[in-house]
Protein backbone atom coordinates (compact mmCIF):
# COMPACT_ATOMS: atom_id res chain seq x y z
CA UNK A 1 -33.85 -8.06 -9.65
CA UNK A 2 -31.70 -5.10 -9.01
CA UNK A 3 -33.28 -2.60 -6.58
CA UNK A 4 -32.44 1.13 -7.51
CA UNK A 5 -32.91 4.32 -5.79
CA UNK A 6 -32.83 7.68 -7.68
CA UNK A 7 -31.36 10.93 -5.66
CA UNK A 8 -31.51 13.97 -7.73
CA UNK A 9 -33.03 17.46 -7.02
CA UNK A 10 -34.23 18.01 -10.33
CA UNK A 11 -37.72 16.75 -10.98
CA UNK A 12 -37.05 16.37 -14.76
CA UNK A 13 -33.70 14.46 -14.39
CA UNK A 14 -35.50 12.00 -12.11
CA UNK A 15 -38.41 11.31 -14.50
CA UNK A 16 -36.12 10.92 -17.46
CA UNK A 17 -33.87 8.50 -15.69
CA UNK A 18 -37.06 6.65 -14.26
CA UNK A 19 -38.22 6.36 -17.93
CA UNK A 20 -34.88 5.16 -19.10
CA UNK A 21 -34.71 2.60 -16.48
CA UNK A 22 -38.21 1.36 -17.23
CA UNK A 23 -36.67 -0.31 -20.21
CA UNK A 24 -34.54 -2.82 -18.17
CA UNK A 25 -36.65 -5.57 -16.69
CA UNK A 26 -34.04 -6.72 -14.19
CA UNK A 27 -34.43 -3.15 -12.41
CA UNK A 28 -36.93 -2.31 -9.75
CA UNK A 29 -37.01 1.40 -8.68
CA UNK A 30 -37.84 1.51 -4.89
CA UNK A 31 -38.03 5.10 -4.67
CA UNK A 32 -36.85 8.68 -5.84
CA UNK A 33 -35.72 11.65 -3.60
CA UNK A 34 -35.18 15.29 -4.26
CA UNK A 35 -32.25 15.94 -1.97
CA UNK A 36 -29.76 14.42 0.58
CA UNK A 37 -31.72 14.09 3.62
CA UNK A 38 -34.57 12.37 1.72
CA UNK A 39 -31.89 10.04 0.16
CA UNK A 40 -30.38 9.01 3.48
CA UNK A 41 -33.91 8.17 4.96
CA UNK A 42 -34.83 6.32 1.82
CA UNK A 43 -31.57 4.29 1.93
CA UNK A 44 -32.20 3.28 5.57
CA UNK A 45 -35.74 2.25 4.76
CA UNK A 46 -35.39 0.34 1.38
CA UNK A 47 -31.61 -0.88 1.43
CA UNK A 48 -31.29 -0.62 -2.27
CA UNK A 49 -28.71 -2.62 -4.33
CA UNK A 50 -27.84 0.76 -6.18
CA UNK A 51 -28.09 4.45 -6.00
CA UNK A 52 -28.21 6.90 -8.88
CA UNK A 53 -26.75 9.89 -7.25
CA UNK A 54 -26.55 13.44 -8.22
CA UNK A 55 -23.41 15.31 -7.12
CA UNK A 56 -24.81 18.89 -7.09
CA UNK A 57 -27.65 19.29 -4.73
CA UNK A 58 -28.79 22.21 -2.54
CA UNK A 59 -27.64 22.30 1.26
CA UNK A 60 -25.75 18.78 1.12
CA UNK A 61 -24.19 17.45 -2.26
CA UNK A 62 -23.94 13.74 -3.08
CA UNK A 63 -20.49 13.22 -1.54
CA UNK A 64 -21.44 14.65 1.88
CA UNK A 65 -24.55 12.50 1.84
CA UNK A 66 -22.54 9.50 1.40
CA UNK A 67 -20.38 10.66 4.26
CA UNK A 68 -23.48 10.74 6.48
CA UNK A 69 -24.78 7.31 5.76
CA UNK A 70 -24.04 4.27 8.38
CA UNK A 71 -24.06 1.91 5.33
CA UNK A 72 -23.16 3.10 1.88
CA UNK A 73 -24.74 1.25 -1.11
CA UNK A 74 -23.13 1.03 -4.49
CA UNK A 75 -23.26 4.26 -6.34
CA UNK A 76 -23.39 5.50 -9.93
CA UNK A 77 -23.05 9.25 -9.99
CA UNK A 78 -25.20 11.22 -12.40
CA UNK A 79 -24.42 14.89 -13.07
CA UNK A 80 -24.19 17.68 -15.52
CA UNK A 81 -20.82 18.72 -14.17
CA UNK A 82 -18.00 16.82 -15.92
CA UNK A 83 -15.39 18.58 -13.75
CA UNK A 84 -16.59 16.21 -10.94
CA UNK A 85 -15.64 13.25 -12.93
CA UNK A 86 -12.19 12.68 -11.49
CA UNK A 87 -13.19 13.00 -8.04
CA UNK A 88 -16.12 10.72 -8.58
CA UNK A 89 -13.57 7.88 -9.49
CA UNK A 90 -11.60 8.85 -6.59
CA UNK A 91 -14.54 7.37 -4.60
CA UNK A 92 -14.36 4.26 -6.74
CA UNK A 93 -18.08 4.72 -7.82
CA UNK A 94 -19.06 1.97 -10.07
CA UNK A 95 -19.69 4.42 -12.88
CA UNK A 96 -20.33 7.90 -13.77
CA UNK A 97 -22.89 9.29 -16.16
CA UNK A 98 -23.34 12.67 -17.63
CA UNK A 99 -26.72 14.43 -18.02
CA UNK A 100 -28.63 14.11 -20.14
CA UNK A 101 -28.26 10.34 -19.59
CA UNK A 102 -28.00 8.51 -23.02
CA UNK A 103 -29.61 4.97 -23.04
CA UNK A 104 -26.45 3.27 -24.40
CA UNK A 105 -24.31 4.67 -21.53
CA UNK A 106 -26.93 3.63 -18.93
CA UNK A 107 -26.95 0.05 -20.46
CA UNK A 108 -23.23 0.03 -20.09
CA UNK A 109 -23.35 1.11 -16.58
CA UNK A 110 -25.93 -1.30 -15.31
CA UNK A 111 -23.88 -3.91 -17.18
CA UNK A 112 -20.97 -3.02 -15.28
CA UNK A 113 -22.99 -2.98 -12.05
CA UNK A 114 -24.10 -6.58 -12.51
CA UNK A 115 -20.35 -7.69 -12.90
CA UNK A 116 -19.02 -5.60 -10.05
CA UNK A 117 -21.90 -6.21 -7.35
CA UNK A 118 -20.91 -9.89 -7.58
CA UNK A 119 -17.29 -9.33 -6.73
CA UNK A 120 -17.33 -6.12 -4.77
CA UNK A 121 -18.01 -5.96 -1.13
CA UNK A 122 -20.96 -3.59 -0.08
CA UNK A 123 -19.15 -0.54 1.72
CA UNK A 124 -19.93 -0.78 5.51
CA UNK A 125 -19.75 2.09 8.17
CA UNK A 126 -16.78 2.64 10.16
CA UNK A 127 -19.22 3.74 12.99
CA UNK A 128 -21.16 0.64 13.18
CA UNK A 129 -20.87 -2.47 15.37
CA UNK A 130 -19.69 -5.23 13.11
CA UNK A 131 -15.97 -6.08 13.28
CA UNK A 132 -14.32 -4.89 10.17
CA UNK A 133 -12.13 -7.47 8.42
CA UNK A 134 -9.52 -7.21 5.35
CA UNK A 135 -12.28 -7.78 2.68
CA UNK A 136 -14.72 -4.79 4.09
CA UNK A 137 -14.84 -1.67 2.28
CA UNK A 138 -15.26 1.69 4.07
CA UNK A 139 -16.21 5.15 2.85
CA UNK A 140 -13.91 7.78 3.91
CA UNK A 141 -14.08 11.71 3.53
CA UNK A 142 -11.37 14.01 4.09
CA UNK A 143 -12.43 17.74 3.14
CA UNK A 144 -13.45 17.52 -0.45
CA UNK A 145 -12.17 14.19 -1.29
CA UNK A 146 -13.77 11.05 -0.88
CA UNK A 147 -12.77 7.21 -1.23
CA UNK A 148 -14.27 3.88 -0.98
CA UNK A 149 -11.42 1.71 0.58
CA UNK A 150 -11.06 -2.01 1.06
CA UNK A 151 -9.41 -2.48 4.28
CA UNK A 152 -6.83 -5.10 2.83
CA UNK A 153 -5.24 -1.87 1.02
CA UNK A 154 -4.84 -0.06 4.28
CA UNK A 155 -1.34 -0.63 5.57
CA UNK A 156 -1.59 1.33 8.92
CA UNK A 157 -3.66 3.85 11.02
CA UNK A 158 -1.92 6.60 12.96
CA UNK A 159 -3.28 8.66 15.84
CA UNK A 160 -3.19 12.34 15.25
CA UNK A 161 -4.89 13.86 18.25
CA UNK A 162 -8.81 13.66 17.91
CA UNK A 163 -8.10 12.33 14.42
CA UNK A 164 -6.77 9.06 12.61
CA UNK A 165 -4.65 9.30 9.53
CA UNK A 166 -5.54 6.22 7.25
CA UNK A 167 -2.64 4.95 5.03
CA UNK A 168 -3.60 3.35 1.59
CA UNK A 169 -2.03 3.50 -1.93
CA UNK A 170 -0.59 7.09 -1.88
CA UNK A 171 -3.32 8.61 0.27
CA UNK A 172 -3.31 9.70 3.87
CA UNK A 173 -6.69 11.19 4.80
CA UNK A 174 -7.58 12.11 8.21
CA UNK A 175 -10.94 10.95 9.85
CA UNK A 176 -12.50 12.29 12.97
CA UNK A 177 -11.97 9.18 15.08
CA UNK A 178 -9.92 7.94 17.94
CA UNK A 179 -7.42 5.26 17.58
CA UNK A 180 -9.16 3.56 20.56
CA UNK A 181 -12.66 3.52 19.10
CA UNK A 182 -11.09 2.32 15.84
CA UNK A 183 -9.20 -0.70 17.37
CA UNK A 184 -12.52 -1.73 18.84
CA UNK A 185 -13.98 -2.10 15.15
CA UNK A 186 -11.02 -3.83 13.58
CA UNK A 187 -10.49 -7.52 13.38
CA UNK A 188 -7.60 -8.28 15.75
CA UNK A 189 -6.65 -11.14 13.44
CA UNK A 190 -5.72 -8.65 10.67
CA UNK A 191 -5.11 -5.25 12.61
CA UNK A 192 -2.51 -5.03 15.53
CA UNK A 193 -2.20 -2.12 17.89
CA UNK A 194 1.67 -1.90 17.91
CA UNK A 195 1.74 1.17 20.27
CA UNK A 196 -0.33 4.14 21.43
CA UNK A 197 -0.08 5.89 17.97
CA UNK A 198 -0.32 3.09 15.39
CA UNK A 199 -2.50 0.19 14.45
CA UNK A 200 -0.55 -1.97 11.57
CA UNK A 201 -2.24 -4.20 9.06
CA UNK A 202 -0.41 -7.76 9.64
CA UNK A 203 -0.54 -8.56 6.14
CA UNK A 204 1.54 -5.72 5.07
CA UNK A 205 4.45 -6.73 7.44
CA UNK A 206 7.55 -7.69 5.56
CA UNK A 207 10.14 -7.88 8.30
CA UNK A 208 10.26 -8.18 12.01
CA UNK A 209 13.45 -7.54 14.27
CA UNK A 210 14.15 -7.19 18.07
CA UNK A 211 14.30 -3.71 19.26
CA UNK A 212 15.23 -1.69 22.25
CA UNK A 213 13.84 -2.55 25.74
CA UNK A 214 12.37 -5.73 24.70
CA UNK A 215 10.17 -4.22 21.92
CA UNK A 216 10.19 -4.92 18.22
CA UNK A 217 10.52 -3.15 15.03
CA UNK A 218 8.25 -4.07 12.12
CA UNK A 219 8.97 -3.17 8.50
CA UNK A 220 6.12 -2.72 6.22
CA UNK A 221 5.92 -3.51 2.23
CA UNK A 222 6.35 0.06 1.68
CA UNK A 223 9.62 0.29 3.63
CA UNK A 224 7.80 2.08 6.79
CA UNK A 225 8.86 1.21 10.09
CA UNK A 226 6.77 1.00 13.03
CA UNK A 227 7.96 0.11 16.65
CA UNK A 228 5.96 -2.27 18.73
CA UNK A 229 6.17 -1.34 22.53
CA UNK A 230 7.26 -3.83 25.00
CA UNK A 231 4.02 -4.36 26.45
CA UNK A 232 2.64 -5.22 23.02
CA UNK A 233 5.49 -7.21 21.70
CA UNK A 234 4.53 -10.19 23.96
CA UNK A 235 1.09 -9.98 22.57
CA UNK A 236 2.42 -9.85 19.00
CA UNK A 237 4.81 -12.83 19.49
CA UNK A 238 1.93 -14.69 20.98
CA UNK A 239 -0.43 -13.70 18.06
CA UNK A 240 2.23 -14.59 15.40
CA UNK A 241 3.64 -17.57 17.27
CA UNK A 242 7.02 -16.12 17.46
């Protein structure tokens, strides 16, 4: 049974979606909410498998709601504004439905969910306590852009004052976080603190060479180079059994 939450500020839209979902025996609706704050509370209370989430809502939109969650569930966006479609897929939502929702598209979306949920990790909060490994997926928001990111795709983190720049694919969003705080969350078997400014994903290293003053220089698979400080070089060699 798939436990579903509906978050939409339009009462009629919630009722129509509830009616459509009632035709699917494997779906249990655990609640419905009229705004983002109610949605956050309901997600914390019910821990749904899937959220049907409207984007345009008063006070706080759907993307902002996701950014405020400690644990981000699987999401299908439901909205009347198709100009948001590309942005929705930037965050790797399971699907995107336009209002009014058609029954056949809803069926396709639920089928996609059933397939993806089995193989896609549930996103976790970057602010929680659990150690984050390469298979974990986190939610990032930088201004108007949002992403669900699997940490195995992140090649490195760079300190930028009170922010951290996250390097993955062709993106480099900034998140309000210190590198020290982030280091405490990351699994040291995968993510290594090379120096005061960089944490690198060990799986992205393609070449290692000795560098000045007893340090090392790492070359990543995208040809980026990162220097390992002398103090960290001994830890790196021990970790990598060099």
